[in-house]
Amino acid sequence: MQNEHQIIGLVTAAKDDLQKADNLIREYIPFIRSEASKCISRPCTEQDDEFSIAMIAFHEAIAGYERERGSFLHYAAMLIRSRIIDYQRKESRHRGNLSLEVERGEDEQTLMDTLADPRNEVEESVRLQATRQEIAELSAVMAEFGIGFSDVADNSPRQQRTLEACAAAIRFAAQNPQLLDELLRTKKLPLAQLVRGCGAERKTLERHRKYILAMLLIQTNGYEIIRGHLWQVLKRKGEVRV
């Protein structure tokens, strides 16, 4: 299967192309079946209603996915789980297992019908889980480079001029993917290339190496939620977008 960047590209293309959406769904049938199986605690077959619901939920995930939701597959899995749970609850109600199904009043509405729509809570849960996943993944990657979030906070530029120099280095690396590939391969910050590329003083970049390293790692693996949050923080502080 594709990496996260490739998946996002395929999902974006599938939003407005039914054929591409169908192709993507077919490619991820093993994933869809696996997620449905987790919900029903047994192997899910194509004859199960839950399999059809999972397929529809996956298509819904394609249509509703935005980068700030984090990993697409994590978002799709949460949506599949939510829709199957909704289905199981409705089936349980139809069997008379829930007293919430008792009709109330002349309009024949049930108590369940009058409750607030739970989908907003589901969406918020999806977003929260995606954020936690991104933070955990980034923390693990940073640990491989010997840094943590506290190091980044302690190493952040304090002066506007220094921040601008670091931001220039980060932008240069982000615009040159080969530098990010070298960073991941060697586990070393390519300081010499950054200095040549952005014109900043080497001692400035060296002094804030951990900060720059963390910002570059955020650029490497689709951390859309973290990048969006970082942009909002910098915007509120009147600092430079990286």
Protein backbone atom coordinates (compact mmCIF):
# COMPACT_ATOMS: atom_id res chain seq x y z
CA MET A 1 0.00 0.00 0.00
CA GLN A 2 1.00 3.62 -0.44
CA ASN A 3 2.57 5.86 2.14
CA GLU A 4 0.48 8.60 3.75
CA HIS A 5 1.47 11.29 1.23
CA GLN A 6 0.48 9.04 -1.69
CA ILE A 7 -2.81 8.11 -0.01
CA ILE A 8 -3.72 11.79 0.49
CA GLY A 9 -3.02 12.44 -3.19
CA LEU A 10 -5.26 9.54 -4.23
CA VAL A 11 -8.03 10.62 -1.87
CA THR A 12 -7.91 14.20 -3.18
CA ALA A 13 -8.17 12.95 -6.76
CA ALA A 14 -11.02 10.58 -5.83
CA LYS A 15 -13.18 13.34 -4.32
CA ASP A 16 -14.35 14.51 -7.74
CA ASP A 17 -13.89 11.31 -9.75
CA LEU A 18 -16.21 8.37 -9.02
CA GLN A 19 -14.06 5.96 -10.99
CA LYS A 20 -10.97 6.88 -8.96
CA ALA A 21 -13.02 6.59 -5.79
CA ASP A 22 -14.17 3.10 -6.79
CA ASN A 23 -10.59 2.11 -7.62
CA LEU A 24 -9.38 3.35 -4.24
CA ILE A 25 -12.14 1.47 -2.41
CA ARG A 26 -11.31 -1.75 -4.27
CA GLU A 27 -7.63 -1.38 -3.43
CA TYR A 28 -8.43 -0.96 0.27
CA ILE A 29 -11.02 -3.73 0.61
CA PRO A 30 -8.66 -5.76 2.86
CA PHE A 31 -8.36 -2.70 5.16
CA ILE A 32 -12.14 -2.14 5.10
CA ARG A 33 -12.86 -5.78 5.89
CA SER A 34 -10.28 -5.76 8.68
CA GLU A 35 -11.84 -2.71 10.35
CA ALA A 36 -15.33 -4.18 10.05
CA SER A 37 -14.09 -7.45 11.56
CA LYS A 38 -12.76 -5.58 14.59
CA CYS A 39 -16.23 -4.14 15.18
CA ILE A 40 -18.06 -7.45 15.08
CA SER A 41 -15.30 -9.49 16.79
CA ARG A 42 -15.18 -12.10 14.04
CA PRO A 43 -14.08 -12.30 10.39
CA CYS A 44 -16.35 -10.08 8.31
CA THR A 45 -17.51 -11.48 4.98
CA GLU A 46 -19.02 -9.72 1.98
CA GLN A 47 -22.39 -11.20 2.97
CA ASP A 48 -22.44 -9.29 6.26
CA ASP A 49 -24.37 -6.03 6.42
CA GLU A 50 -21.43 -4.55 8.31
CA PHE A 51 -19.19 -5.04 5.27
CA SER A 52 -21.50 -2.95 3.08
CA ILE A 53 -21.74 -0.31 5.79
CA ALA A 54 -17.95 -0.22 6.07
CA MET A 55 -17.64 0.22 2.29
CA ILE A 56 -20.07 3.15 2.37
CA ALA A 57 -18.25 4.66 5.36
CA PHE A 58 -14.93 4.43 3.51
CA HIS A 59 -16.48 6.29 0.58
CA GLU A 60 -17.84 8.84 3.04
CA ALA A 61 -14.34 9.22 4.45
CA ILE A 62 -13.01 9.99 0.97
CA ALA A 63 -15.64 12.68 0.47
CA GLY A 64 -15.21 14.26 3.91
CA TYR A 65 -11.47 14.01 4.43
CA GLU A 66 -9.42 17.16 4.97
CA ARG A 67 -5.70 17.27 5.71
CA GLU A 68 -6.21 18.73 9.19
CA ARG A 69 -7.93 15.50 10.19
CA GLY A 70 -4.53 13.80 10.20
CA SER A 71 -3.95 10.31 8.80
CA PHE A 72 -6.60 9.36 6.24
CA LEU A 73 -6.65 5.68 7.17
CA HIS A 74 -7.05 6.51 10.85
CA TYR A 75 -9.93 8.84 9.98
CA ALA A 76 -11.52 6.19 7.75
CA ALA A 77 -11.19 3.56 10.50
CA MET A 78 -12.90 5.83 13.03
CA LEU A 79 -15.72 6.55 10.58
CA ILE A 80 -16.21 2.85 9.77
CA ARG A 81 -16.38 2.05 13.47
CA SER A 82 -18.86 4.87 14.09
CA ARG A 83 -21.21 3.85 11.27
CA ILE A 84 -21.18 0.19 12.26
CA ILE A 85 -21.93 1.08 15.87
CA ASP A 86 -24.82 3.28 14.67
CA TYR A 87 -26.14 0.34 12.64
CA GLN A 88 -25.84 -2.08 15.55
CA ARG A 89 -27.71 0.32 17.83
CA LYS A 90 -30.53 0.69 15.32
CA GLU A 91 -30.75 -3.08 14.93
CA SER A 92 -30.89 -3.46 18.68
CA ARG A 93 -33.68 -0.87 18.87
CA HIS A 94 -35.70 -2.66 16.21
CA ARG A 95 -35.45 -5.86 18.23
CA GLY A 96 -37.01 -4.01 21.17
CA ASN A 97 -33.91 -4.15 23.33
CA LEU A 98 -33.82 -0.45 24.07
CA SER A 99 -36.55 1.36 25.95
CA LEU A 100 -35.52 4.56 24.18
CA GLU A 101 -37.50 3.30 21.19
CA VAL A 102 -40.84 3.74 22.97
CA GLU A 103 -42.96 6.27 21.09
CA ARG A 104 -43.86 9.42 22.95
CA GLY A 105 -46.56 11.96 22.09
CA GLU A 106 -48.83 12.46 19.12
CA ASP A 107 -45.95 12.99 16.70
CA GLU A 108 -44.88 9.36 17.29
CA GLN A 109 -41.29 10.40 17.90
CA THR A 110 -39.18 8.15 20.07
CA LEU A 111 -36.99 9.39 22.87
CA MET A 112 -33.96 8.35 20.80
CA ASP A 113 -35.19 10.56 17.94
CA THR A 114 -35.25 13.60 20.22
CA LEU A 115 -31.71 13.17 21.48
CA ALA A 116 -28.92 15.33 20.06
CA ASP A 117 -27.22 14.02 16.92
CA PRO A 118 -24.09 12.19 18.13
CA ARG A 119 -22.17 12.77 14.90
CA ASN A 120 -20.61 16.02 16.11
CA GLU A 121 -19.18 14.14 19.06
CA VAL A 122 -17.93 11.43 16.71
CA GLU A 123 -16.24 13.99 14.48
CA GLU A 124 -14.62 15.62 17.51
CA SER A 125 -13.46 12.21 18.71
CA VAL A 126 -11.98 11.48 15.28
CA ARG A 127 -10.12 14.79 15.33
CA LEU A 128 -8.85 14.26 18.87
CA GLN A 129 -7.66 10.73 18.13
CA ALA A 130 -5.92 11.90 14.96
CA THR A 131 -4.15 14.66 16.90
CA ARG A 132 -3.00 12.25 19.59
CA GLN A 133 -1.74 9.87 16.93
CA GLU A 134 0.26 12.61 15.20
CA ILE A 135 1.82 13.75 18.47
CA ALA A 136 2.77 10.18 19.41
CA GLU A 137 4.26 9.52 15.98
CA LEU A 138 6.22 12.78 15.97
CA SER A 139 7.47 12.17 19.51
CA ALA A 140 8.78 8.74 18.48
CA VAL A 141 10.53 10.17 15.41
CA MET A 142 12.07 13.00 17.43
CA ALA A 143 13.37 10.49 19.96
CA GLU A 144 15.35 8.82 17.17
CA PHE A 145 17.15 12.14 16.73
CA GLY A 146 17.74 12.54 20.46
CA ILE A 147 15.34 15.43 21.02
CA GLY A 148 12.02 15.94 22.80
CA PHE A 149 9.33 18.60 22.91
CA SER A 150 10.93 20.20 25.96
CA ASP A 151 14.20 20.60 24.03
CA VAL A 152 12.35 22.37 21.25
CA ALA A 153 10.69 24.77 23.67
CA ASP A 154 14.01 25.56 25.36
CA ASN A 155 15.76 25.99 22.00
CA SER A 156 13.16 28.20 20.28
CA PRO A 157 14.37 31.57 18.94
CA ARG A 158 13.47 34.53 21.14
CA GLN A 159 14.36 37.44 18.89
CA GLN A 160 12.53 38.31 15.67
CA ARG A 161 15.73 38.44 13.64
CA THR A 162 16.80 35.01 14.82
CA LEU A 163 13.34 33.59 14.21
CA GLU A 164 13.39 34.91 10.65
CA ALA A 165 16.80 33.32 10.01
CA CYS A 166 15.60 29.95 11.30
CA ALA A 167 12.35 30.26 9.31
CA ALA A 168 14.34 30.95 6.14
CA ALA A 169 16.37 27.77 6.70
CA ILE A 170 13.23 25.73 7.34
CA ARG A 171 11.51 27.09 4.23
CA PHE A 172 14.57 26.35 2.11
CA ALA A 173 14.65 22.73 3.32
CA ALA A 174 10.89 22.31 2.85
CA GLN A 175 11.26 23.49 -0.76
CA ASN A 176 14.10 21.03 -1.36
CA PRO A 177 12.83 17.54 -0.48
CA GLN A 178 16.25 15.99 -1.03
CA LEU A 179 17.46 17.79 2.09
CA LEU A 180 14.64 16.26 4.13
CA ASP A 181 15.48 12.84 2.69
CA GLU A 182 19.13 13.35 3.67
CA LEU A 183 18.06 14.39 7.15
CA LEU A 184 16.05 11.20 7.63
CA ARG A 185 18.80 9.05 6.16
CA THR A 186 21.77 10.45 8.06
CA LYS A 187 19.97 11.59 11.22
CA LYS A 188 22.01 14.81 10.94
CA LEU A 189 20.95 18.38 10.22
CA PRO A 190 22.48 19.44 6.85
CA LEU A 191 23.77 22.73 8.25
CA ALA A 192 26.22 23.53 5.47
CA GLN A 193 23.54 23.20 2.79
CA LEU A 194 21.06 25.22 4.83
CA VAL A 195 23.58 28.04 5.28
CA ARG A 196 24.34 28.12 1.56
CA GLY A 197 20.69 27.92 0.61
CA CYS A 198 19.14 30.51 2.91
CA GLY A 199 22.07 32.84 3.63
CA ALA A 200 21.74 32.64 7.41
CA GLU A 201 24.81 32.60 9.64
CA ARG A 202 25.95 29.14 10.58
CA LYS A 203 26.36 30.00 14.28
CA THR A 204 22.72 31.17 14.39
CA LEU A 205 21.47 27.88 12.96
CA GLU A 206 23.80 25.85 15.18
CA ARG A 207 22.54 27.67 18.28
CA HIS A 208 18.96 26.68 17.43
CA ARG A 209 19.72 23.28 15.91
CA LYS A 210 17.13 21.35 17.94
CA TYR A 211 14.38 23.80 17.09
CA ILE A 212 15.18 23.68 13.35
CA LEU A 213 15.50 19.89 13.47
CA ALA A 214 12.05 19.51 15.02
CA MET A 215 10.47 21.93 12.52
CA LEU A 216 12.00 19.97 9.63
CA LEU A 217 10.80 16.65 11.01
CA ILE A 218 7.29 18.09 11.09
CA GLN A 219 7.67 18.74 7.34
CA THR A 220 8.58 15.14 6.52
CA ASN A 221 5.60 12.91 7.25
CA GLY A 222 2.25 14.58 6.77
CA TYR A 223 1.84 16.12 10.24
CA GLU A 224 -0.93 18.40 8.97
CA ILE A 225 -2.66 18.90 12.33
CA ILE A 226 0.55 19.86 14.11
CA ARG A 227 1.60 22.20 11.30
CA GLY A 228 -1.82 23.86 11.36
CA HIS A 229 -1.65 24.33 15.12
CA LEU A 230 1.89 25.69 14.88
CA TRP A 231 0.80 28.21 12.23
CA GLN A 232 -2.03 29.43 14.48
CA VAL A 233 0.36 29.85 17.41
CA LEU A 234 2.87 31.79 15.34
CA LYS A 235 0.09 33.90 13.83
CA ARG A 236 -1.21 34.89 17.28
CA LYS A 237 2.30 35.80 18.38
CA GLY A 238 2.89 37.85 15.23
CA GLU A 239 5.82 35.66 14.24
CA VAL A 240 6.91 34.28 10.89
CA ARG A 241 5.14 31.39 9.22
CA VAL A 242 7.46 28.47 8.65
